[in-house]
């Protein structure tokens, strides 16, 4: 069921609208994972303009050339400006033709997937710069927005390029929708637990949430989207990967596969993949991070609050983990229409994987946890998953999420996903973790349990956790 109403993004939209009130032209870059809602946000932003012109590149598949991109751009010029079709053989000429049409009135000009447009022409970006300098910025009521899913390309060719220094007014990186906005894709009659089961697969990706049919159960929605031939999420992985990484997609896929079962540091990934640690591994990981698929979590020095050298990479995209763990392994049966799981909970390692997915949701919505705990942003020294490696003198430990405040307090958060009430064994687990943390003297520990579906009476009776947070509160 497609949702036509625009949901969320109030803060991002308000920021964009501030540029439409300026007395000079603005050049804005929007980046983020595919399906995250970049184009939809700009369409909503366009409602405040006299005219909105949108141009889009062709996905860079085999056979797509510079000439193909220019031919498509020429066709779009005729359609957007209701003018006779003219063929342009050079980006400078094509952009000049656009520039002549945007010299007056309040205009939003949008280049969607800009990396696709100029991927085959090394002069493309220089001509974009000239287009901005010589034509576009002359209209003080113009906002020029370029966006792309290939964030590493944008970072290298626009944001880090000397050619665009001083020209870009604002860079917006779109992230997943927060839980309170995800909640709006369902009617109030649906339980929070059912919503969380769907979100453990989709994350806060708006395009995926649009496909949810509220009339179906969470299990039926997941089966339809992920395990039915032609389902929206069955072939989605290959679509987004082939467009972003082209012929290297299989290599990046192998990197992600090693993160399915949990975070790893760079050395462990290099060893698993047989890659020289002194090679380009950092660059590969950065590209996956910029694409919005993985997150680099730094642990930190509790005495200074500074990031430590030690870090781990986490597969922070719920759909990718679900695809690699469950959809891909069943693709042949799905395509033959012979795959029919009796229940999702019977899938291998279901509880473990759902635990990792739930952790992602909580960490991606950490602002909600801090609100419940009454912690103000200005009082936070650092907050992230925390870990320390085992040494001769110090035990290792892994904290799902920890907040260090300026009042020398450590909120140690244990995140548990369970379909039944959590038992008292979690108290022992957290006590062991806290005992392992090497913290300065005079620090206080406040254990926090974040859960779904309740806790046992034993946990309540022990009164160990300073806060017990039911995550379903964010989805009601």
Protein backbone atom coordinates (compact mmCIF):
# COMPACT_ATOMS: atom_id res chain seq x y z
CA UNK A 1 0.00 0.00 0.00
CA UNK A 2 1.66 3.24 -1.17
CA UNK A 3 1.47 6.19 1.20
CA UNK A 4 0.91 9.39 -0.78
CA UNK A 5 1.10 11.72 2.22
CA UNK A 6 4.54 13.16 2.95
CA UNK A 7 5.69 11.85 6.32
CA UNK A 8 8.38 13.26 8.60
CA UNK A 9 11.45 15.32 7.66
CA UNK A 10 10.08 18.45 9.38
CA UNK A 11 13.54 19.55 10.54
CA UNK A 12 15.17 18.93 7.16
CA UNK A 13 12.36 20.66 5.29
CA UNK A 14 12.50 23.70 7.57
CA UNK A 15 16.24 24.00 6.97
CA UNK A 16 15.80 23.81 3.19
CA UNK A 17 13.00 26.37 3.27
CA UNK A 18 15.30 28.85 4.99
CA UNK A 19 17.37 29.01 1.79
CA UNK A 20 14.33 29.96 -0.27
CA UNK A 21 14.07 33.12 1.85
CA UNK A 22 17.62 34.28 1.18
CA UNK A 23 18.40 37.18 -1.13
CA UNK A 24 21.08 35.29 -3.02
CA UNK A 25 21.04 32.06 -5.02
CA UNK A 26 21.80 28.86 -3.13
CA UNK A 27 23.62 25.71 -4.21
CA UNK A 28 22.57 22.71 -2.07
CA UNK A 29 23.87 19.12 -2.06
CA UNK A 30 21.65 16.31 -0.78
CA UNK A 31 23.05 12.82 -0.29
CA UNK A 32 22.02 9.56 1.34
CA UNK A 33 21.23 5.91 0.80
CA UNK A 34 18.99 4.93 -2.10
CA UNK A 35 15.27 4.82 -1.19
CA UNK A 36 15.90 7.16 1.73
CA UNK A 37 13.58 9.82 0.28
CA UNK A 38 15.90 12.44 -1.23
CA UNK A 39 13.81 13.10 -4.33
CA UNK A 40 10.55 13.03 -2.38
CA UNK A 41 11.88 15.61 0.08
CA UNK A 42 12.90 17.96 -2.74
CA UNK A 43 9.48 17.59 -4.35
CA UNK A 44 7.91 18.66 -1.06
CA UNK A 45 10.36 21.56 -0.80
CA UNK A 46 9.37 22.64 -4.33
CA UNK A 47 5.83 23.57 -3.22
CA UNK A 48 7.04 27.01 -2.15
CA UNK A 49 8.45 27.97 -5.58
CA UNK A 50 7.03 29.58 -8.70
CA UNK A 51 8.63 26.90 -10.87
CA UNK A 52 10.24 23.51 -10.29
CA UNK A 53 12.48 21.89 -12.90
CA UNK A 54 13.83 18.41 -12.38
CA UNK A 55 16.49 16.56 -14.41
CA UNK A 56 17.62 12.99 -13.77
CA UNK A 57 20.50 10.89 -15.03
CA UNK A 58 20.28 7.37 -16.47
CA UNK A 59 21.46 4.54 -14.17
CA UNK A 60 25.07 3.64 -15.19
CA UNK A 61 24.55 0.17 -16.64
CA UNK A 62 26.59 -1.42 -19.40
CA UNK A 63 26.08 0.43 -22.69
CA UNK A 64 25.19 3.78 -21.10
CA UNK A 65 27.55 6.40 -22.54
CA UNK A 66 28.14 10.13 -22.35
CA UNK A 67 26.05 10.44 -25.49
CA UNK A 68 23.20 8.47 -23.84
CA UNK A 69 23.19 10.80 -20.85
CA UNK A 70 23.25 13.92 -23.02
CA UNK A 71 20.49 12.61 -25.27
CA UNK A 72 18.27 11.97 -22.24
CA UNK A 73 19.14 15.37 -20.76
CA UNK A 74 18.25 17.02 -24.09
CA UNK A 75 14.87 15.27 -24.08
CA UNK A 76 14.23 16.44 -20.52
CA UNK A 77 15.07 20.05 -21.44
CA UNK A 78 12.32 19.99 -24.06
CA UNK A 79 9.82 18.46 -21.62
CA UNK A 80 10.67 20.66 -18.63
CA UNK A 81 10.60 23.96 -20.54
CA UNK A 82 7.95 22.97 -23.08
CA UNK A 83 10.37 23.84 -25.90
CA UNK A 84 11.30 22.23 -29.24
CA UNK A 85 13.62 19.25 -28.93
CA UNK A 86 17.26 20.06 -29.66
CA UNK A 87 20.16 17.63 -29.54
CA UNK A 88 23.19 18.70 -27.49
CA UNK A 89 26.55 17.00 -27.95
CA UNK A 90 28.36 18.86 -25.17
CA UNK A 91 27.44 19.37 -21.52
CA UNK A 92 28.42 23.01 -21.71
CA UNK A 93 25.85 23.66 -24.45
CA UNK A 94 23.13 21.66 -22.67
CA UNK A 95 23.66 23.46 -19.37
CA UNK A 96 23.73 26.83 -21.13
CA UNK A 97 20.32 26.03 -22.59
CA UNK A 98 19.01 25.35 -19.08
CA UNK A 99 20.62 28.53 -17.78
CA UNK A 100 18.76 30.71 -20.28
CA UNK A 101 15.43 29.43 -18.86
CA UNK A 102 16.10 30.17 -15.19
CA UNK A 103 17.17 33.79 -15.10
CA UNK A 104 14.12 35.15 -13.30
CA UNK A 105 11.37 34.27 -10.78
CA UNK A 106 11.58 32.00 -7.74
CA UNK A 107 12.89 28.73 -9.18
CA UNK A 108 13.94 25.38 -7.73
CA UNK A 109 16.28 23.56 -10.13
CA UNK A 110 16.93 19.93 -9.22
CA UNK A 111 19.54 17.56 -10.69
CA UNK A 112 18.67 14.08 -9.42
CA UNK A 113 21.44 11.42 -9.29
CA UNK A 114 24.02 13.87 -10.59
CA UNK A 115 26.79 11.25 -10.48
CA UNK A 116 24.95 9.29 -13.17
CA UNK A 117 24.76 12.30 -15.47
CA UNK A 118 28.47 12.98 -15.60
CA UNK A 119 29.92 9.55 -14.94
CA UNK A 120 31.27 9.17 -18.50
CA UNK A 121 32.52 12.74 -19.04
CA UNK A 122 35.60 14.04 -17.16
CA UNK A 123 34.67 17.64 -18.09
CA UNK A 124 31.16 17.44 -16.63
CA UNK A 125 31.92 18.88 -13.19
CA UNK A 126 33.93 21.76 -14.58
CA UNK A 127 30.97 22.69 -16.75
CA UNK A 128 28.62 22.44 -13.76
CA UNK A 129 30.88 24.93 -11.97
CA UNK A 130 30.82 27.30 -14.94
CA UNK A 131 27.04 26.90 -15.23
CA UNK A 132 26.67 27.99 -11.60
CA UNK A 133 29.17 30.85 -11.81
CA UNK A 134 28.07 32.32 -15.13
CA UNK A 135 24.33 31.71 -15.17
CA UNK A 136 22.51 30.03 -12.28
CA UNK A 137 23.66 32.24 -9.42
CA UNK A 138 22.66 35.38 -11.34
CA UNK A 139 19.05 34.69 -10.32
CA UNK A 140 19.00 35.68 -6.64
CA UNK A 141 15.72 33.77 -6.14
CA UNK A 142 17.11 30.47 -7.46
CA UNK A 143 17.85 27.37 -5.40
CA UNK A 144 19.93 24.76 -7.22
CA UNK A 145 19.82 21.30 -5.63
CA UNK A 146 21.91 18.32 -6.72
CA UNK A 147 21.53 14.92 -5.11
CA UNK A 148 22.92 11.43 -5.39
CA UNK A 149 23.06 8.03 -3.75
CA UNK A 150 26.73 7.56 -4.66
CA UNK A 151 27.84 9.57 -1.65
CA UNK A 152 31.52 8.72 -2.11
CA UNK A 153 31.37 10.24 -5.61
CA UNK A 154 29.71 13.37 -4.24
CA UNK A 155 32.25 13.61 -1.41
CA UNK A 156 35.20 13.32 -3.77
CA UNK A 157 33.95 15.32 -6.75
CA UNK A 158 31.84 18.03 -5.12
CA UNK A 159 32.37 18.43 -1.40
CA UNK A 160 36.14 17.86 -1.41
CA UNK A 161 36.81 19.45 -4.78
CA UNK A 162 38.68 22.76 -4.89
CA UNK A 163 36.50 23.71 -7.88
CA UNK A 164 33.44 24.00 -5.63
CA UNK A 165 35.00 25.68 -2.61
CA UNK A 166 32.82 28.58 -1.47
CA UNK A 167 30.02 27.68 -3.86
CA UNK A 168 28.02 25.06 -1.95
CA UNK A 169 25.65 26.69 0.54
CA UNK A 170 24.58 23.57 2.44
CA UNK A 171 25.05 19.80 2.48
CA UNK A 172 22.18 17.66 3.75
CA UNK A 173 22.74 13.99 4.53
CA UNK A 174 19.43 12.15 4.85
CA UNK A 175 19.29 9.34 7.38
CA UNK A 176 16.58 6.81 8.26
CA UNK A 177 13.30 8.12 9.61
CA UNK A 178 13.14 8.14 13.43
CA UNK A 179 10.75 5.71 15.10
CA UNK A 180 8.12 8.34 15.88
CA UNK A 181 7.85 9.09 12.14
CA UNK A 182 7.95 5.40 11.15
CA UNK A 183 4.96 4.95 13.43
CA UNK A 184 2.85 7.12 11.10
CA UNK A 185 2.88 4.46 8.38
CA UNK A 186 0.48 2.35 10.47
CA UNK A 187 -2.96 3.03 11.93
CA UNK A 188 -3.22 3.27 15.71
CA UNK A 189 -4.85 -0.16 15.88
CA UNK A 190 -1.57 -1.97 15.13
CA UNK A 191 0.55 -3.05 18.11
CA UNK A 192 4.01 -1.57 18.65
CA UNK A 193 5.54 -5.05 18.75
CA UNK A 194 4.16 -5.84 15.30
CA UNK A 195 5.60 -2.60 13.95
CA UNK A 196 9.00 -3.42 15.44
CA UNK A 197 9.02 -6.79 13.68
CA UNK A 198 8.55 -5.05 10.33
CA UNK A 199 11.11 -2.36 11.19
CA UNK A 200 13.63 -5.08 12.01
CA UNK A 201 13.56 -5.80 8.27
CA UNK A 202 12.98 -2.39 6.70
CA UNK A 203 14.65 -0.06 9.17
CA UNK A 204 13.48 3.52 8.80
CA UNK A 205 13.70 3.52 4.99
CA UNK A 206 10.62 5.46 3.78
CA UNK A 207 10.30 3.72 0.43
CA UNK A 208 10.18 0.30 2.09
CA UNK A 209 7.65 1.45 4.67
CA UNK A 210 5.40 2.71 1.87
CA UNK A 211 5.03 -0.89 0.72
CA UNK A 212 3.59 -2.06 4.04
CA UNK A 213 -0.06 -3.12 3.94
CA UNK A 214 -1.50 -2.36 7.41
CA UNK A 215 -4.32 -4.84 6.77
CA UNK A 216 -1.78 -7.68 6.87
CA UNK A 217 0.11 -8.98 9.87
CA UNK A 218 3.81 -8.26 10.26
CA UNK A 219 4.67 -11.83 9.24
CA UNK A 220 2.49 -11.67 6.13
CA UNK A 221 3.96 -8.31 5.12
CA UNK A 222 7.48 -9.68 5.47
CA UNK A 223 6.60 -12.83 3.53
CA UNK A 224 5.03 -10.79 0.72
CA UNK A 225 7.91 -8.34 0.46
CA UNK A 226 10.84 -10.68 1.08
CA UNK A 227 9.88 -14.28 0.30
CA UNK A 228 7.41 -14.01 -2.58
CA UNK A 229 8.53 -14.05 -6.22
CA UNK A 230 8.32 -10.45 -7.45
CA UNK A 231 8.22 -9.07 -3.90
CA UNK A 232 9.59 -5.53 -3.64
CA UNK A 233 12.53 -6.49 -1.40
CA UNK A 234 13.50 -9.73 -3.16
CA UNK A 235 15.58 -8.08 -5.91
CA UNK A 236 16.18 -4.77 -4.17
CA UNK A 237 19.69 -5.63 -3.01
CA UNK A 238 21.03 -6.25 -6.51
CA UNK A 239 19.38 -3.08 -7.81
CA UNK A 240 20.94 -0.75 -5.27
CA UNK A 241 24.32 -2.48 -5.32
CA UNK A 242 24.73 -2.71 -9.09
CA UNK A 243 23.94 0.99 -9.46
CA UNK A 244 26.37 2.07 -6.74
CA UNK A 245 29.33 -0.27 -7.09
CA UNK A 246 29.00 -1.59 -10.68
CA UNK A 247 31.53 -4.37 -11.38
CA UNK A 248 32.87 -4.26 -7.79
CA UNK A 249 29.50 -5.04 -6.23
CA UNK A 250 30.38 -8.68 -5.47
CA UNK A 251 33.45 -7.62 -3.49
CA UNK A 252 31.52 -5.10 -1.39
CA UNK A 253 28.87 -7.73 -0.86
CA UNK A 254 31.50 -10.08 0.63
CA UNK A 255 32.54 -7.33 3.02
CA UNK A 256 28.99 -6.91 4.24
CA UNK A 257 28.50 -10.67 4.58
CA UNK A 258 31.21 -10.74 7.27
CA UNK A 259 29.29 -8.14 9.29
CA UNK A 260 25.95 -9.98 9.27
CA UNK A 261 26.59 -11.74 12.60
CA UNK A 262 27.96 -8.67 14.40
CA UNK A 263 30.52 -5.84 14.36
CA UNK A 264 34.17 -6.42 13.43
CA UNK A 265 37.27 -4.29 13.49
CA UNK A 266 39.22 -3.60 10.31
CA UNK A 267 41.97 -6.12 11.08
CA UNK A 268 39.45 -8.95 11.48
CA UNK A 269 37.77 -8.02 8.19
CA UNK A 270 41.10 -7.93 6.36
CA UNK A 271 41.98 -11.37 7.71
CA UNK A 272 38.59 -12.82 6.79
CA UNK A 273 38.77 -11.44 3.25
CA UNK A 274 42.47 -12.13 2.73
CA UNK A 275 43.25 -8.45 2.13
CA UNK A 276 46.50 -6.66 2.96
CA UNK A 277 45.77 -4.41 5.99
CA UNK A 278 48.03 -1.73 4.50
CA UNK A 279 46.05 -1.69 1.26
CA UNK A 280 42.80 0.02 0.29
CA UNK A 281 40.57 -1.57 2.93
CA UNK A 282 39.99 1.76 4.69
CA UNK A 283 38.82 3.25 1.41
CA UNK A 284 36.41 0.37 0.76
CA UNK A 285 34.94 0.66 4.25
CA UNK A 286 34.57 4.42 3.87
CA UNK A 287 32.61 3.95 0.64
CA UNK A 288 30.20 1.53 2.35
CA UNK A 289 29.87 3.97 5.22
CA UNK A 290 29.16 6.94 2.94
CA UNK A 291 26.58 4.82 1.11
CA UNK A 292 24.74 4.52 4.44
CA UNK A 293 25.14 0.75 4.77
CA UNK A 294 27.65 0.43 7.61
CA UNK A 295 28.64 2.58 10.58
CA UNK A 296 32.05 2.92 12.15
CA UNK A 297 31.60 2.88 15.93
CA UNK A 298 34.54 4.29 17.88
CA UNK A 299 35.00 3.33 21.47
CA UNK A 300 36.47 6.13 23.59
CA UNK A 301 38.77 7.05 26.44
CA UNK A 302 36.65 7.44 29.56
CA UNK A 303 39.18 9.81 31.15
CA UNK A 304 39.28 12.30 28.26
CA UNK A 305 36.12 11.52 26.27
CA UNK A 306 38.21 11.39 23.09
CA UNK A 307 37.69 8.71 20.46
CA UNK A 308 40.10 5.80 20.80
CA UNK A 309 41.93 4.29 17.85
CA UNK A 310 39.95 1.11 18.43
CA UNK A 311 36.78 0.98 16.34
CA UNK A 312 34.42 -1.57 14.88
CA UNK A 313 32.27 -1.57 11.77
CA UNK A 314 28.60 -2.36 12.23
CA UNK A 315 26.14 -3.39 9.52
CA UNK A 316 23.67 -0.64 10.43
CA UNK A 317 21.25 -1.19 7.54
CA UNK A 318 18.56 -3.64 8.62
CA UNK A 319 17.40 -4.54 5.13
CA UNK A 320 20.88 -5.51 3.96
CA UNK A 321 21.41 -7.84 6.92
CA UNK A 322 18.01 -9.46 6.43
CA UNK A 323 18.66 -9.92 2.73
CA UNK A 324 22.10 -11.48 3.17
CA UNK A 325 21.00 -13.73 6.02
CA UNK A 326 17.60 -14.91 4.79
CA UNK A 327 16.50 -13.73 1.36
CA UNK A 328 19.64 -14.49 -0.64
CA UNK A 329 19.98 -17.99 0.79
CA UNK A 330 16.43 -18.76 -0.36
CA UNK A 331 16.44 -16.95 -3.73
CA UNK A 332 16.25 -20.05 -5.92
CA UNK A 333 13.21 -21.35 -4.02
CA UNK A 334 11.61 -17.89 -3.94
CA UNK A 335 11.96 -17.55 -7.71
CA UNK A 336 10.51 -21.03 -8.21
CA UNK A 337 7.71 -20.07 -5.80
CA UNK A 338 8.45 -23.06 -3.59
CA UNK A 339 9.67 -21.22 -0.49
CA UNK A 340 7.06 -21.25 2.26
CA UNK A 341 8.39 -20.80 5.83
CA UNK A 342 5.86 -21.97 8.40
CA UNK A 343 6.84 -19.08 10.62
CA UNK A 344 9.59 -16.48 10.47
CA UNK A 345 10.72 -17.53 13.93
CA UNK A 346 11.72 -20.91 12.46
CA UNK A 347 14.38 -19.27 10.28
CA UNK A 348 17.94 -20.08 11.45
CA UNK A 349 19.33 -17.84 14.21
CA UNK A 350 16.17 -15.75 14.11
CA UNK A 351 16.44 -14.47 17.69
CA UNK A 352 20.11 -13.52 17.29
CA UNK A 353 19.52 -11.64 14.05
CA UNK A 354 16.45 -9.87 15.43
CA UNK A 355 18.54 -8.83 18.42
CA UNK A 356 21.08 -7.17 16.12
CA UNK A 357 18.32 -5.51 14.11
CA UNK A 358 16.68 -4.19 17.26
CA UNK A 359 20.03 -2.80 18.44
CA UNK A 360 20.32 -0.90 15.16
CA UNK A 361 16.88 0.63 15.65
CA UNK A 362 17.72 1.76 19.17
CA UNK A 363 21.17 3.15 18.32
CA UNK A 364 19.77 4.94 15.27
CA UNK A 365 17.18 6.49 17.61
CA UNK A 366 19.47 7.23 20.53
CA UNK A 367 17.96 10.69 20.93
CA UNK A 368 14.76 9.02 22.18
CA UNK A 369 16.68 7.09 24.84
CA UNK A 370 18.41 10.25 26.06
CA UNK A 371 15.06 12.00 26.24
CA UNK A 372 13.63 9.24 28.45
CA UNK A 373 16.70 9.35 30.68
CA UNK A 374 16.46 13.13 30.93
CA UNK A 375 19.92 13.68 29.49
CA UNK A 376 20.45 16.96 27.66
CA UNK A 377 22.66 17.02 24.57
CA UNK A 378 25.03 19.56 26.12
CA UNK A 379 25.67 17.21 29.07
CA UNK A 380 26.86 14.28 26.93
CA UNK A 381 30.59 13.64 26.72
CA UNK A 382 30.21 10.67 24.39
CA UNK A 383 27.61 8.06 23.51
CA UNK A 384 28.04 4.99 21.33
CA UNK A 385 28.45 1.24 21.53
CA UNK A 386 31.40 0.79 23.91
CA UNK A 387 34.00 -1.97 23.88
CA UNK A 388 37.44 -2.78 25.18
CA UNK A 389 39.74 -5.54 24.04
CA UNK A 390 40.94 -8.19 26.42
CA UNK A 391 44.51 -7.78 27.66
CA UNK A 392 46.63 -9.48 30.30
CA UNK A 393 45.48 -6.96 32.91
CA UNK A 394 42.03 -6.11 31.64
CA UNK A 395 39.05 -8.24 30.61
CA UNK A 396 37.28 -7.53 27.36
CA UNK A 397 33.73 -6.26 27.25
CA UNK A 398 31.06 -5.12 24.80
CA UNK A 399 28.34 -2.67 25.81
CA UNK A 400 25.39 -2.38 23.43
CA UNK A 401 25.13 1.36 24.02
CA UNK A 402 26.66 3.61 26.66
CA UNK A 403 26.29 7.30 27.51
CA UNK A 404 28.99 9.21 29.38
CA UNK A 405 27.90 12.52 30.91
CA UNK A 406 29.77 15.50 32.29
CA UNK A 407 28.61 14.54 35.78
CA UNK A 408 30.87 11.44 35.66
CA UNK A 409 27.97 9.11 35.09
CA UNK A 410 27.99 6.10 32.77
CA UNK A 411 24.60 4.89 31.60
CA UNK A 412 25.23 1.27 30.58
CA UNK A 413 22.41 0.26 28.24
CA UNK A 414 21.58 -3.39 27.59
CA UNK A 415 19.35 -3.82 24.54
CA UNK A 416 17.21 -6.98 24.43
CA UNK A 417 14.73 -8.14 21.81
CA UNK A 418 12.50 -10.99 22.92
CA UNK A 419 9.04 -12.27 22.11
CA UNK A 420 8.55 -13.14 25.80
CA UNK A 421 9.31 -11.37 29.07
CA UNK A 422 13.05 -11.08 29.77
CA UNK A 423 14.34 -13.18 32.65
CA UNK A 424 16.58 -12.22 35.57
CA UNK A 425 19.71 -13.67 33.92
CA UNK A 426 20.16 -10.29 32.21
CA UNK A 427 21.06 -8.80 35.60
CA UNK A 428 24.06 -11.10 35.89
CA UNK A 429 25.12 -10.29 32.32
CA UNK A 430 25.11 -6.55 32.92
CA UNK A 431 26.86 -6.82 36.30
CA UNK A 432 29.65 -8.78 34.60
CA UNK A 433 30.01 -6.17 31.87
CA UNK A 434 30.13 -3.27 34.31
CA UNK A 435 32.75 -5.05 36.43
CA UNK A 436 34.94 -5.32 33.32
CA UNK A 437 34.83 -1.62 32.40
CA UNK A 438 38.02 0.19 33.26
CA UNK A 439 36.60 3.52 34.41
CA UNK A 440 38.22 6.35 36.39
CA UNK A 441 37.47 6.59 40.09
CA UNK A 442 34.46 8.57 41.25
CA UNK A 443 32.39 7.45 38.26
CA UNK A 444 28.86 6.20 38.83
CA UNK A 445 27.29 3.39 36.80
CA UNK A 446 23.59 3.45 36.01
CA UNK A 447 22.45 0.24 34.31
CA UNK A 448 19.60 0.64 31.82
CA UNK A 449 17.54 -2.12 30.23
CA UNK A 450 15.87 -1.43 26.87
CA UNK A 451 13.42 -4.12 25.81
CA UNK A 452 10.18 -5.13 24.13
CA UNK A 453 7.43 -7.41 25.47
CA UNK A 454 8.09 -6.87 29.15
CA UNK A 455 10.37 -8.11 31.90
CA UNK A 456 9.91 -10.78 34.55
CA UNK A 457 8.84 -10.07 38.11
CA UNK A 458 12.31 -11.20 39.25
CA UNK A 459 13.90 -8.24 37.46
CA UNK A 460 11.45 -5.84 39.06
CA UNK A 461 12.02 -7.36 42.50
CA UNK A 462 15.82 -7.12 42.25
CA UNK A 463 15.53 -3.38 41.54
CA UNK A 464 18.92 -3.42 39.81
CA UNK A 465 18.27 -1.28 36.74
CA UNK A 466 17.92 2.44 37.32
CA UNK A 467 15.72 2.61 34.22
CA UNK A 468 13.75 -0.05 32.37
CA UNK A 469 12.64 1.30 28.99
CA UNK A 470 10.02 -0.46 26.92
CA UNK A 471 10.90 0.50 23.32
CA UNK A 472 7.29 0.05 22.24
CA UNK A 473 6.59 3.44 23.87
CA UNK A 474 8.16 5.04 20.79
CA UNK A 475 5.62 3.40 18.49
CA UNK A 476 2.28 4.16 20.13
